[in-house]
Amino acid sequence: MIRKATPQDIPQVTDCYTELLLHEQEHGAYTVWQLGVYPTEKTAEKGIADGDLYVMEQDGEICASVIANQLQPEEYGSVQWKYSAAPNEVFVIHLLCVRPSKAGRGIGKALVQFAAEEGKRRNCRAVRLDTGAQNKPAVALYTKLGFELAGTADMAIGGLIAHKNHLFFEKNIADAR
């Protein structure tokens, strides 16, 4: 079940972030996130306060989360997007995090599809997101789900972690209504 997160979910959401980052420390990183820097408990708290944090819960356990809203990071302004859309016609997927212990079960796919449906519900024309080129599982997922590479640019992940040649993807949802 995918639902809006509540303040009671913060410990489990934060635990998802920590599980992923510790897994990456041990097995190699796909993200450029940093333990204790981004994402953190404060990230989850802000997502809940803004009403933008969603969680996937299975058997009483939160196995993934995503922040999804209509806020485009500043760096999105430097990208030559493929689909014309006013700022209020864009839905953005941020901070998709699946517990490594739950990976490979279609959870990421379900959250991306949920976000696209939420964008349609809000009458958006496009869904946009970003990820690093080194995040091969995410790039494969987004491509498989019909997202197109719109461009690359430098980005400050979470406003905190500098990353060069970040990838920006977009999907037209205007015609899918």
C-alpha atoms as a PDB file:
ATOM      1  CA  MET A   1       0.000   0.000   0.000  1.00  0.00           C
ATOM      2  CA  ILE A   2       1.282   3.455  -0.930  1.00  0.00           C
ATOM      3  CA  ARG A   3       0.113   6.304   1.284  1.00  0.00           C
ATOM      4  CA  LYS A   4       1.094   9.734   2.566  1.00  0.00           C
ATOM      5  CA  ALA A   5       3.610   9.493   5.367  1.00  0.00           C
ATOM      6  CA  THR A   6       2.742  10.547   8.899  1.00  0.00           C
ATOM      7  CA  PRO A   7       5.026  11.759  11.715  1.00  0.00           C
ATOM      8  CA  GLN A   8       4.887   8.234  13.170  1.00  0.00           C
ATOM      9  CA  ASP A   9       6.625   6.967  10.013  1.00  0.00           C
ATOM     10  CA  ILE A  10       9.760   9.088  10.485  1.00  0.00           C
ATOM     11  CA  PRO A  11      11.811   6.423  12.323  1.00  0.00           C
ATOM     12  CA  GLN A  12      11.129   3.792   9.656  1.00  0.00           C
ATOM     13  CA  VAL A  13      11.701   6.194   6.755  1.00  0.00           C
ATOM     14  CA  THR A  14      14.988   7.296   8.310  1.00  0.00           C
ATOM     15  CA  ASP A  15      15.882   3.641   8.817  1.00  0.00           C
ATOM     16  CA  CYS A  16      15.298   3.053   5.071  1.00  0.00           C
ATOM     17  CA  TYR A  17      17.766   5.842   4.276  1.00  0.00           C
ATOM     18  CA  THR A  18      20.308   4.407   6.713  1.00  0.00           C
ATOM     19  CA  GLU A  19      19.873   0.834   5.459  1.00  0.00           C
ATOM     20  CA  LEU A  20      20.513   1.959   1.888  1.00  0.00           C
ATOM     21  CA  LEU A  21      23.557   4.059   2.752  1.00  0.00           C
ATOM     22  CA  LEU A  22      25.131   1.343   4.920  1.00  0.00           C
ATOM     23  CA  HIS A  23      24.474  -1.183   2.138  1.00  0.00           C
ATOM     24  CA  GLU A  24      26.206   1.128  -0.335  1.00  0.00           C
ATOM     25  CA  GLN A  25      29.190   1.550   1.986  1.00  0.00           C
ATOM     26  CA  GLU A  26      29.595  -2.216   2.085  1.00  0.00           C
ATOM     27  CA  HIS A  27      28.686  -3.170  -1.495  1.00  0.00           C
ATOM     28  CA  GLY A  28      29.421  -0.075  -3.578  1.00  0.00           C
ATOM     29  CA  ALA A  29      27.320   3.016  -4.131  1.00  0.00           C
ATOM     30  CA  TYR A  30      24.815   3.824  -6.826  1.00  0.00           C
ATOM     31  CA  THR A  31      23.730   7.096  -5.214  1.00  0.00           C
ATOM     32  CA  VAL A  32      25.884  10.028  -4.162  1.00  0.00           C
ATOM     33  CA  TRP A  33      23.926  10.409  -0.934  1.00  0.00           C
ATOM     34  CA  GLN A  34      25.963  10.564   2.256  1.00  0.00           C
ATOM     35  CA  LEU A  35      25.143   9.118   5.659  1.00  0.00           C
ATOM     36  CA  GLY A  36      24.426  11.938   8.091  1.00  0.00           C
ATOM     37  CA  VAL A  37      24.357  14.546   5.307  1.00  0.00           C
ATOM     38  CA  TYR A  38      21.487  13.677   2.940  1.00  0.00           C
ATOM     39  CA  PRO A  39      18.941  12.200   3.251  1.00  0.00           C
ATOM     40  CA  THR A  40      18.362  12.482   6.997  1.00  0.00           C
ATOM     41  CA  GLU A  41      15.590  12.509   9.560  1.00  0.00           C
ATOM     42  CA  LYS A  42      15.173  16.231   8.868  1.00  0.00           C
ATOM     43  CA  THR A  43      14.583  15.416   5.197  1.00  0.00           C
ATOM     44  CA  ALA A  44      11.737  13.070   6.159  1.00  0.00           C
ATOM     45  CA  GLU A  45      10.330  15.574   8.654  1.00  0.00           C
ATOM     46  CA  LYS A  46      10.257  18.306   5.998  1.00  0.00           C
ATOM     47  CA  GLY A  47       8.632  15.940   3.482  1.00  0.00           C
ATOM     48  CA  ILE A  48       5.864  15.172   5.960  1.00  0.00           C
ATOM     49  CA  ALA A  49       5.422  18.822   6.961  1.00  0.00           C
ATOM     50  CA  ASP A  50       5.100  19.768   3.279  1.00  0.00           C
ATOM     51  CA  GLY A  51       2.707  16.872   2.586  1.00  0.00           C
ATOM     52  CA  ASP A  52       5.030  15.475  -0.096  1.00  0.00           C
ATOM     53  CA  LEU A  53       6.431  12.287   1.483  1.00  0.00           C
ATOM     54  CA  TYR A  54       4.819   9.014   0.473  1.00  0.00           C
ATOM     55  CA  VAL A  55       5.648   5.565   1.787  1.00  0.00           C
ATOM     56  CA  MET A  56       5.096   2.027   0.604  1.00  0.00           C
ATOM     57  CA  GLU A  57       4.081  -0.205   3.458  1.00  0.00           C
ATOM     58  CA  GLN A  58       3.958  -3.989   3.346  1.00  0.00           C
ATOM     59  CA  ASP A  59       2.996  -6.147   6.321  1.00  0.00           C
ATOM     60  CA  GLY A  60       3.275  -3.165   8.670  1.00  0.00           C
ATOM     61  CA  GLU A  61       6.798  -2.284   7.518  1.00  0.00           C
ATOM     62  CA  ILE A  62       7.802   0.724   5.459  1.00  0.00           C
ATOM     63  CA  CYS A  63       9.930  -0.664   2.659  1.00  0.00           C
ATOM     64  CA  ALA A  64      10.305   2.463   0.521  1.00  0.00           C
ATOM     65  CA  SER A  65       9.595   6.163   0.333  1.00  0.00           C
ATOM     66  CA  VAL A  66       9.499   8.976  -2.189  1.00  0.00           C
ATOM     67  CA  ILE A  67       9.049  12.721  -2.098  1.00  0.00           C
ATOM     68  CA  ALA A  68       6.854  13.867  -4.973  1.00  0.00           C
ATOM     69  CA  ASN A  69       5.610  17.393  -5.606  1.00  0.00           C
ATOM     70  CA  GLN A  70       5.569  20.223  -8.112  1.00  0.00           C
ATOM     71  CA  LEU A  71       8.806  21.833  -6.923  1.00  0.00           C
ATOM     72  CA  GLN A  72      11.577  21.807  -9.488  1.00  0.00           C
ATOM     73  CA  PRO A  73      15.092  22.283  -8.100  1.00  0.00           C
ATOM     74  CA  GLU A  74      16.925  25.356  -9.351  1.00  0.00           C
ATOM     75  CA  GLU A  75      19.123  23.223 -11.623  1.00  0.00           C
ATOM     76  CA  TYR A  76      16.068  22.146 -13.624  1.00  0.00           C
ATOM     77  CA  GLY A  77      16.077  25.648 -15.134  1.00  0.00           C
ATOM     78  CA  SER A  78      19.268  24.869 -17.066  1.00  0.00           C
ATOM     79  CA  VAL A  79      17.854  21.736 -18.731  1.00  0.00           C
ATOM     80  CA  GLN A  80      16.389  21.809 -22.245  1.00  0.00           C
ATOM     81  CA  TRP A  81      13.264  19.778 -21.460  1.00  0.00           C
ATOM     82  CA  LYS A  82      11.638  17.844 -24.283  1.00  0.00           C
ATOM     83  CA  TYR A  83       8.066  18.660 -23.275  1.00  0.00           C
ATOM     84  CA  SER A  84       6.744  22.159 -22.891  1.00  0.00           C
ATOM     85  CA  ALA A  85       5.055  22.626 -19.537  1.00  0.00           C
ATOM     86  CA  ALA A  86       4.447  25.552 -17.197  1.00  0.00           C
ATOM     87  CA  PRO A  87       5.823  25.099 -13.661  1.00  0.00           C
ATOM     88  CA  ASN A  88       2.335  24.197 -12.382  1.00  0.00           C
ATOM     89  CA  GLU A  89       2.112  21.484 -15.070  1.00  0.00           C
ATOM     90  CA  VAL A  90       5.206  19.581 -13.893  1.00  0.00           C
ATOM     91  CA  PHE A  91       5.302  16.868 -11.245  1.00  0.00           C
ATOM     92  CA  VAL A  92       8.720  15.991  -9.804  1.00  0.00           C
ATOM     93  CA  ILE A  93       9.951  12.767  -8.228  1.00  0.00           C
ATOM     94  CA  HIS A  94      12.589  13.348  -5.555  1.00  0.00           C
ATOM     95  CA  LEU A  95      14.428  11.016  -3.205  1.00  0.00           C
ATOM     96  CA  LEU A  96      13.095   7.606  -4.207  1.00  0.00           C
ATOM     97  CA  CYS A  97      14.514   5.181  -1.645  1.00  0.00           C
ATOM     98  CA  VAL A  98      13.883   1.426  -1.495  1.00  0.00           C
ATOM     99  CA  ARG A  99      15.317  -0.691   1.305  1.00  0.00           C
ATOM    100  CA  PRO A 100      18.031  -2.916  -0.210  1.00  0.00           C
ATOM    101  CA  SER A 101      16.495  -5.847   1.684  1.00  0.00           C
ATOM    102  CA  LYS A 102      13.314  -5.298  -0.383  1.00  0.00           C
ATOM    103  CA  ALA A 103      14.943  -4.587  -3.762  1.00  0.00           C
ATOM    104  CA  GLY A 104      13.977  -6.501  -6.887  1.00  0.00           C
ATOM    105  CA  ARG A 105      10.281  -6.767  -5.998  1.00  0.00           C
ATOM    106  CA  GLY A 106       8.888  -3.994  -8.198  1.00  0.00           C
ATOM    107  CA  ILE A 107       8.661  -1.493  -5.346  1.00  0.00           C
ATOM    108  CA  GLY A 108      10.556   1.279  -7.132  1.00  0.00           C
ATOM    109  CA  LYS A 109       8.444   0.749 -10.240  1.00  0.00           C
ATOM    110  CA  ALA A 110       5.243   0.981  -8.196  1.00  0.00           C
ATOM    111  CA  LEU A 111       6.340   4.243  -6.562  1.00  0.00           C
ATOM    112  CA  VAL A 112       7.294   5.836  -9.903  1.00  0.00           C
ATOM    113  CA  GLN A 113       3.964   4.770 -11.420  1.00  0.00           C
ATOM    114  CA  PHE A 114       2.144   6.112  -8.356  1.00  0.00           C
ATOM    115  CA  ALA A 115       3.899   9.471  -8.740  1.00  0.00           C
ATOM    116  CA  ALA A 116       3.003   9.634 -12.444  1.00  0.00           C
ATOM    117  CA  GLU A 117      -0.645   8.958 -11.584  1.00  0.00           C
ATOM    118  CA  GLU A 118      -0.521  11.650  -8.895  1.00  0.00           C
ATOM    119  CA  GLY A 119       0.878  14.044 -11.506  1.00  0.00           C
ATOM    120  CA  LYS A 120      -1.997  13.221 -13.853  1.00  0.00           C
ATOM    121  CA  ARG A 121      -4.479  13.744 -11.021  1.00  0.00           C
ATOM    122  CA  ARG A 122      -3.004  17.215 -10.552  1.00  0.00           C
ATOM    123  CA  ASN A 123      -3.380  17.926 -14.296  1.00  0.00           C
ATOM    124  CA  CYS A 124       0.359  17.948 -14.938  1.00  0.00           C
ATOM    125  CA  ARG A 125       1.745  17.510 -18.437  1.00  0.00           C
ATOM    126  CA  ALA A 126       5.124  16.024 -17.496  1.00  0.00           C
ATOM    127  CA  VAL A 127       6.879  14.107 -14.739  1.00  0.00           C
ATOM    128  CA  ARG A 128      10.525  15.026 -14.199  1.00  0.00           C
ATOM    129  CA  LEU A 129      13.292  13.557 -12.072  1.00  0.00           C
ATOM    130  CA  ASP A 130      17.039  13.420 -11.797  1.00  0.00           C
ATOM    131  CA  THR A 131      19.675  10.843 -10.915  1.00  0.00           C
ATOM    132  CA  GLY A 132      23.378  10.250 -11.292  1.00  0.00           C
ATOM    133  CA  ALA A 133      24.735   8.368 -14.309  1.00  0.00           C
ATOM    134  CA  GLN A 134      26.366   5.926 -11.866  1.00  0.00           C
ATOM    135  CA  ASN A 135      22.906   4.930 -10.572  1.00  0.00           C
ATOM    136  CA  LYS A 136      22.476   2.255 -13.211  1.00  0.00           C
ATOM    137  CA  PRO A 137      19.468   0.544 -11.565  1.00  0.00           C
ATOM    138  CA  ALA A 138      17.563   3.856 -11.433  1.00  0.00           C
ATOM    139  CA  VAL A 139      18.499   4.804 -15.003  1.00  0.00           C
ATOM    140  CA  ALA A 140      17.336   1.374 -16.221  1.00  0.00           C
ATOM    141  CA  LEU A 141      14.066   1.649 -14.289  1.00  0.00           C
ATOM    142  CA  TYR A 142      13.238   5.138 -15.511  1.00  0.00           C
ATOM    143  CA  THR A 143      14.065   4.244 -19.118  1.00  0.00           C
ATOM    144  CA  LYS A 144      11.966   1.080 -18.908  1.00  0.00           C
ATOM    145  CA  LEU A 145       9.042   3.151 -17.598  1.00  0.00           C
ATOM    146  CA  GLY A 146       9.200   5.497 -20.602  1.00  0.00           C
ATOM    147  CA  PHE A 147      11.239   8.373 -19.214  1.00  0.00           C
ATOM    148  CA  GLU A 148      13.517  10.099 -21.699  1.00  0.00           C
ATOM    149  CA  LEU A 149      16.889  11.678 -21.000  1.00  0.00           C
ATOM    150  CA  ALA A 150      16.434  15.434 -21.348  1.00  0.00           C
ATOM    151  CA  GLY A 151      19.943  16.534 -20.475  1.00  0.00           C
ATOM    152  CA  THR A 152      22.820  16.699 -18.030  1.00  0.00           C
ATOM    153  CA  ALA A 153      23.947  19.412 -15.651  1.00  0.00           C
ATOM    154  CA  ASP A 154      25.775  19.831 -12.385  1.00  0.00           C
ATOM    155  CA  MET A 155      23.541  19.619  -9.331  1.00  0.00           C
ATOM    156  CA  ALA A 156      23.648  20.029  -5.578  1.00  0.00           C
ATOM    157  CA  ILE A 157      21.867  16.915  -4.333  1.00  0.00           C
ATOM    158  CA  GLY A 158      19.511  17.905  -1.556  1.00  0.00           C
ATOM    159  CA  GLY A 159      21.156  21.296  -1.840  1.00  0.00           C
ATOM    160  CA  LEU A 160      24.179  19.786  -0.085  1.00  0.00           C
ATOM    161  CA  ILE A 161      26.148  17.299  -2.193  1.00  0.00           C
ATOM    162  CA  ALA A 162      27.805  18.590  -5.381  1.00  0.00           C
ATOM    163  CA  HIS A 163      27.512  16.217  -8.332  1.00  0.00           C
ATOM    164  CA  LYS A 164      28.799  16.738 -11.871  1.00  0.00           C
ATOM    165  CA  ASN A 165      26.997  15.648 -15.023  1.00  0.00           C
ATOM    166  CA  HIS A 166      23.778  14.691 -13.278  1.00  0.00           C
ATOM    167  CA  LEU A 167      21.082  13.170 -15.517  1.00  0.00           C
ATOM    168  CA  PHE A 168      17.628  14.715 -15.942  1.00  0.00           C
ATOM    169  CA  PHE A 169      14.709  12.615 -17.176  1.00  0.00           C
ATOM    170  CA  GLU A 170      11.179  13.446 -18.171  1.00  0.00           C
ATOM    171  CA  LYS A 171       8.018  11.681 -19.231  1.00  0.00           C
ATOM    172  CA  ASN A 172       5.051  13.159 -21.043  1.00  0.00           C
ATOM    173  CA  ILE A 173       1.847  12.355 -19.160  1.00  0.00           C
ATOM    174  CA  ALA A 174      -0.410  14.884 -20.923  1.00  0.00           C
ATOM    175  CA  ASP A 175      -1.386  12.425 -23.645  1.00  0.00           C
ATOM    176  CA  ALA A 176      -1.972   9.590 -21.181  1.00  0.00           C
ATOM    177  CA  ARG A 177      -5.106  11.063 -19.597  1.00  0.00           C
END
